[in-house]
Amino acid sequence: MPSALLGGWPIRPFIFMDINLLIERKRERFAELERDIADPHLFDNRKRAGEIMREHASVKQLLERWNELEAAQRQLDDNRELVTSRDVEIAAMADDEIPDLEKRVVDLEREIQIGLLPPDEHENRDAIVEIRAGTGGNEAAIFAADLYRMYNRYAESVGLKTEDLESSPSELGGLKEVIFRVSGDAVFRKLRYESGVHRVQRVPATSTGSHSHFYRDGGGVARSRRCRS
């Protein structure tokens, strides 16, 4: 199964920790929260009620993702077996589905890994993301624009909203710099590891040849930080 990256580090939670034990503890905690919510006196303390409701929603989502991961992993295992089928058509169909299933498993693993992180007192605040082109001229600016679109698509896929604050376009459709706000549920929890240098090696869009370039200084730098308000 392929690895995902979290904050630049490979994550394989099923190798480095007993995820099943952690999930079982979350199930126990969810049962406690369900009992708390059923308490008719819950809203006597509105602050505590709000905390319980938010934690309940968070744990519920985590357990749903775990169930989805188990189902996706079972389907992936089944498809890998079907690839060896003597029925050529069935084997081909199963093989075609494997890349999407592998990506689904990796995406869910990453989401669960993030969901199991200790809570941050500021995690529900919005985040400001800054992307600046590194060395490389127009090609670096094009890569920075690619990063900007990538983050926007990610935000949309997880139900977050983005708002452009500042931008400095370059020639050929690139971006020298862009700053945007990301808002929604648990934004900083999802983005707090998105900082540092991004590197790319590819045939430049600005090149007429077929040789590739490697940008040691990153091509683009993304940095997320909490909003103060």
Protein backbone atom coordinates (compact mmCIF):
# COMPACT_ATOMS: atom_id res chain seq x y z
CA MET A 1 0.00 0.00 0.00
CA PRO A 2 1.48 3.39 -0.92
CA SER A 3 2.51 5.89 1.72
CA ALA A 4 1.12 9.36 2.28
CA LEU A 5 2.96 12.42 3.55
CA LEU A 6 2.07 14.48 6.58
CA GLY A 7 4.19 17.55 7.17
CA GLY A 8 6.86 16.13 4.88
CA TRP A 9 7.06 12.82 6.79
CA PRO A 10 5.73 9.48 5.51
CA ILE A 11 2.78 8.26 7.54
CA ARG A 12 2.00 4.61 8.00
CA PRO A 13 -0.15 4.59 11.15
CA PHE A 14 -0.95 0.92 10.80
CA ILE A 15 2.76 0.12 11.13
CA PHE A 16 3.85 2.58 13.82
CA MET A 17 0.92 2.42 16.20
CA ASP A 18 -1.99 0.25 17.15
CA ILE A 19 -4.74 2.16 15.34
CA ASN A 20 -7.35 -0.40 16.31
CA LEU A 21 -6.74 0.34 19.99
CA LEU A 22 -7.01 4.08 19.41
CA ILE A 23 -10.21 3.67 17.43
CA GLU A 24 -11.68 1.48 20.16
CA ARG A 25 -10.97 4.24 22.67
CA LYS A 26 -12.70 6.69 20.35
CA ARG A 27 -15.73 4.38 20.21
CA GLU A 28 -15.84 4.33 24.00
CA ARG A 29 -15.55 8.11 24.10
CA PHE A 30 -18.32 8.42 21.51
CA ALA A 31 -20.62 6.32 23.70
CA GLU A 32 -19.86 8.65 26.64
CA LEU A 33 -20.63 11.70 24.52
CA GLU A 34 -23.90 10.15 23.37
CA ARG A 35 -24.92 9.74 27.01
CA ASP A 36 -23.92 13.34 27.74
CA ILE A 37 -26.01 14.61 24.84
CA ALA A 38 -29.00 12.62 26.06
CA ASP A 39 -28.76 14.35 29.46
CA PRO A 40 -31.74 16.76 29.75
CA HIS A 41 -29.57 19.14 31.81
CA LEU A 42 -26.83 19.38 29.16
CA PHE A 43 -27.63 22.97 28.20
CA ASP A 44 -27.66 24.19 31.79
CA ASN A 45 -24.01 24.94 31.02
CA ARG A 46 -23.98 26.25 27.45
CA LYS A 47 -20.19 26.44 27.18
CA ARG A 48 -19.78 22.80 28.18
CA ALA A 49 -22.67 21.82 25.91
CA GLY A 50 -20.95 23.47 22.96
CA GLU A 51 -17.69 21.67 23.70
CA ILE A 52 -19.49 18.32 23.94
CA MET A 53 -21.41 18.88 20.71
CA ARG A 54 -18.22 19.80 18.82
CA GLU A 55 -16.31 16.81 20.16
CA HIS A 56 -19.24 14.53 19.37
CA ALA A 57 -19.29 15.73 15.74
CA SER A 58 -15.51 15.32 15.45
CA VAL A 59 -15.43 11.79 16.88
CA LYS A 60 -18.44 10.76 14.81
CA GLN A 61 -16.71 11.91 11.63
CA LEU A 62 -13.52 10.08 12.58
CA LEU A 63 -15.39 6.81 13.16
CA GLU A 64 -17.23 7.20 9.86
CA ARG A 65 -13.92 7.65 8.06
CA TRP A 66 -12.56 4.55 9.80
CA ASN A 67 -15.54 2.53 8.54
CA GLU A 68 -14.95 3.90 5.04
CA LEU A 69 -11.28 2.96 5.26
CA GLU A 70 -12.06 -0.60 6.28
CA ALA A 71 -14.52 -0.93 3.39
CA ALA A 72 -12.05 0.56 0.89
CA GLN A 73 -9.25 -1.71 2.12
CA ARG A 74 -11.47 -4.80 1.80
CA GLN A 75 -12.42 -3.80 -1.73
CA LEU A 76 -8.78 -3.17 -2.61
CA ASP A 77 -7.79 -6.60 -1.30
CA ASP A 78 -10.63 -8.21 -3.27
CA ASN A 79 -9.57 -6.43 -6.45
CA ARG A 80 -5.97 -7.55 -6.04
CA GLU A 81 -7.21 -11.12 -5.85
CA LEU A 82 -9.50 -10.69 -8.86
CA VAL A 83 -6.55 -9.48 -10.95
CA THR A 84 -5.34 -13.08 -10.94
CA SER A 85 -8.71 -14.35 -12.21
CA ARG A 86 -8.77 -16.52 -15.31
CA ASP A 87 -11.62 -14.35 -16.57
CA VAL A 88 -9.66 -11.75 -18.52
CA GLU A 89 -12.48 -9.19 -18.53
CA ILE A 90 -13.03 -9.38 -14.77
CA ALA A 91 -9.26 -9.22 -14.15
CA ALA A 92 -8.96 -6.13 -16.35
CA MET A 93 -11.88 -4.37 -14.62
CA ALA A 94 -10.43 -5.13 -11.20
CA ASP A 95 -7.00 -3.88 -12.26
CA ASP A 96 -8.47 -0.62 -13.60
CA GLU A 97 -10.09 0.12 -10.22
CA ILE A 98 -6.94 -0.48 -8.14
CA PRO A 99 -5.27 2.96 -8.57
CA ASP A 100 -8.42 4.79 -7.42
CA LEU A 101 -8.83 2.41 -4.48
CA GLU A 102 -5.19 2.83 -3.46
CA LYS A 103 -5.59 6.61 -3.54
CA ARG A 104 -8.80 6.36 -1.51
CA VAL A 105 -7.08 4.24 1.14
CA VAL A 106 -4.12 6.65 1.39
CA ASP A 107 -6.42 9.70 1.60
CA LEU A 108 -8.48 8.09 4.37
CA GLU A 109 -5.37 7.00 6.27
CA ARG A 110 -4.12 10.59 6.22
CA GLU A 111 -7.48 11.98 7.34
CA ILE A 112 -7.67 9.49 10.22
CA GLN A 113 -4.08 10.25 11.21
CA ILE A 114 -4.94 13.95 11.42
CA GLY A 115 -8.15 13.17 13.30
CA LEU A 116 -6.19 11.27 15.95
CA LEU A 117 -3.81 14.15 16.64
CA PRO A 118 -4.18 15.83 20.05
CA PRO A 119 -6.48 18.85 19.77
CA ASP A 120 -5.00 22.32 19.41
CA GLU A 121 -6.75 25.12 21.29
CA HIS A 122 -6.60 27.25 18.14
CA GLU A 123 -7.53 24.58 15.60
CA ASN A 124 -10.98 26.03 14.86
CA ARG A 125 -9.54 29.38 13.82
CA ASP A 126 -9.17 30.32 10.18
CA ALA A 127 -5.77 30.01 8.52
CA ILE A 128 -3.81 32.35 6.29
CA VAL A 129 -1.85 30.56 3.56
CA GLU A 130 1.05 32.31 1.82
CA ILE A 131 2.72 30.96 -1.32
CA ARG A 132 5.78 32.63 -2.84
CA ALA A 133 7.72 31.62 -5.92
CA GLY A 134 11.28 30.52 -5.24
CA THR A 135 14.22 30.70 -7.64
CA GLY A 136 13.48 29.87 -11.24
CA GLY A 137 11.85 32.93 -12.78
CA ASN A 138 8.66 32.36 -14.75
CA GLU A 139 8.76 28.59 -14.23
CA ALA A 140 8.88 29.00 -10.44
CA ALA A 141 5.94 31.40 -10.64
CA ILE A 142 3.99 28.87 -12.73
CA PHE A 143 4.69 26.22 -10.09
CA ALA A 144 3.52 28.61 -7.35
CA ALA A 145 0.27 29.07 -9.28
CA ASP A 146 -0.06 25.26 -9.50
CA LEU A 147 0.33 25.06 -5.71
CA TYR A 148 -2.32 27.75 -5.26
CA ARG A 149 -4.81 25.82 -7.41
CA MET A 150 -3.93 22.59 -5.59
CA TYR A 151 -4.72 24.11 -2.18
CA ASN A 152 -7.96 25.59 -3.49
CA ARG A 153 -9.09 22.22 -4.83
CA TYR A 154 -8.15 20.54 -1.55
CA ALA A 155 -10.10 23.15 0.44
CA GLU A 156 -13.14 22.63 -1.77
CA SER A 157 -12.91 18.84 -1.44
CA VAL A 158 -13.00 18.97 2.38
CA GLY A 159 -15.71 21.63 2.63
CA LEU A 160 -13.51 24.65 3.36
CA LYS A 161 -13.82 28.12 1.86
CA THR A 162 -11.03 30.26 0.45
CA GLU A 163 -10.78 34.02 0.08
CA ASP A 164 -7.99 35.71 -1.86
CA LEU A 165 -6.31 38.52 0.10
CA GLU A 166 -3.28 39.50 -2.01
CA SER A 167 -1.68 38.30 -5.20
CA SER A 168 1.12 39.31 -7.54
CA PRO A 169 0.78 37.70 -10.98
CA SER A 170 3.71 37.05 -13.29
CA GLU A 171 4.03 36.55 -17.00
CA LEU A 172 2.68 33.33 -18.54
CA GLY A 173 -0.07 32.96 -15.94
CA GLY A 174 2.15 32.37 -12.90
CA LEU A 175 2.13 33.89 -9.44
CA LYS A 176 5.07 35.59 -7.77
CA GLU A 177 3.12 35.62 -4.51
CA VAL A 178 -0.41 34.87 -3.31
CA ILE A 179 -1.98 35.12 0.15
CA PHE A 180 -5.41 33.71 0.91
CA ARG A 181 -7.62 32.92 3.88
CA VAL A 182 -9.06 29.45 4.48
CA SER A 183 -12.14 29.20 6.68
CA GLY A 184 -14.44 26.42 7.84
CA ASP A 185 -14.47 23.62 10.39
CA ALA A 186 -11.14 22.76 12.08
CA VAL A 187 -9.17 24.61 9.40
CA PHE A 188 -5.88 24.87 11.25
CA ARG A 189 -6.00 21.20 12.22
CA LYS A 190 -6.07 20.34 8.51
CA LEU A 191 -3.44 22.87 7.41
CA ARG A 192 -1.03 23.33 10.30
CA TYR A 193 1.59 21.04 8.73
CA GLU A 194 1.50 22.78 5.36
CA SER A 195 4.63 24.86 5.66
CA GLY A 196 8.13 24.80 4.30
CA VAL A 197 9.66 24.38 0.87
CA HIS A 198 8.00 22.60 -2.04
CA ARG A 199 10.34 21.21 -4.69
CA VAL A 200 9.64 20.20 -8.26
CA GLN A 201 11.58 18.51 -11.05
CA ARG A 202 9.93 18.53 -14.46
CA VAL A 203 10.23 19.74 -18.04
CA PRO A 204 9.60 23.49 -17.67
CA ALA A 205 6.46 24.91 -19.27
CA THR A 206 8.69 27.74 -20.49
CA SER A 207 11.15 25.41 -22.21
CA THR A 208 11.16 24.42 -25.89
CA GLY A 209 13.36 21.41 -25.19
CA SER A 210 12.73 18.10 -23.45
CA HIS A 211 15.23 18.43 -20.61
CA SER A 212 14.00 18.71 -17.00
CA HIS A 213 14.97 21.23 -14.36
CA PHE A 214 15.25 20.70 -10.61
CA TYR A 215 14.47 23.67 -8.37
CA ARG A 216 16.50 23.24 -5.19
CA ASP A 217 15.03 26.34 -3.53
CA GLY A 218 11.54 25.08 -3.88
CA GLY A 219 9.78 26.74 -6.77
CA GLY A 220 7.11 27.67 -4.25
CA VAL A 221 6.82 28.11 -0.50
CA ALA A 222 3.56 27.58 1.34
CA ARG A 223 3.08 28.74 4.93
CA SER A 224 -0.07 28.51 6.99
CA ARG A 225 -0.71 30.48 10.15
CA ARG A 226 -3.63 31.10 12.45
CA CYS A 227 -5.77 34.17 12.14
CA ARG A 228 -5.66 36.24 15.30
CA SER A 229 -9.33 37.08 15.25
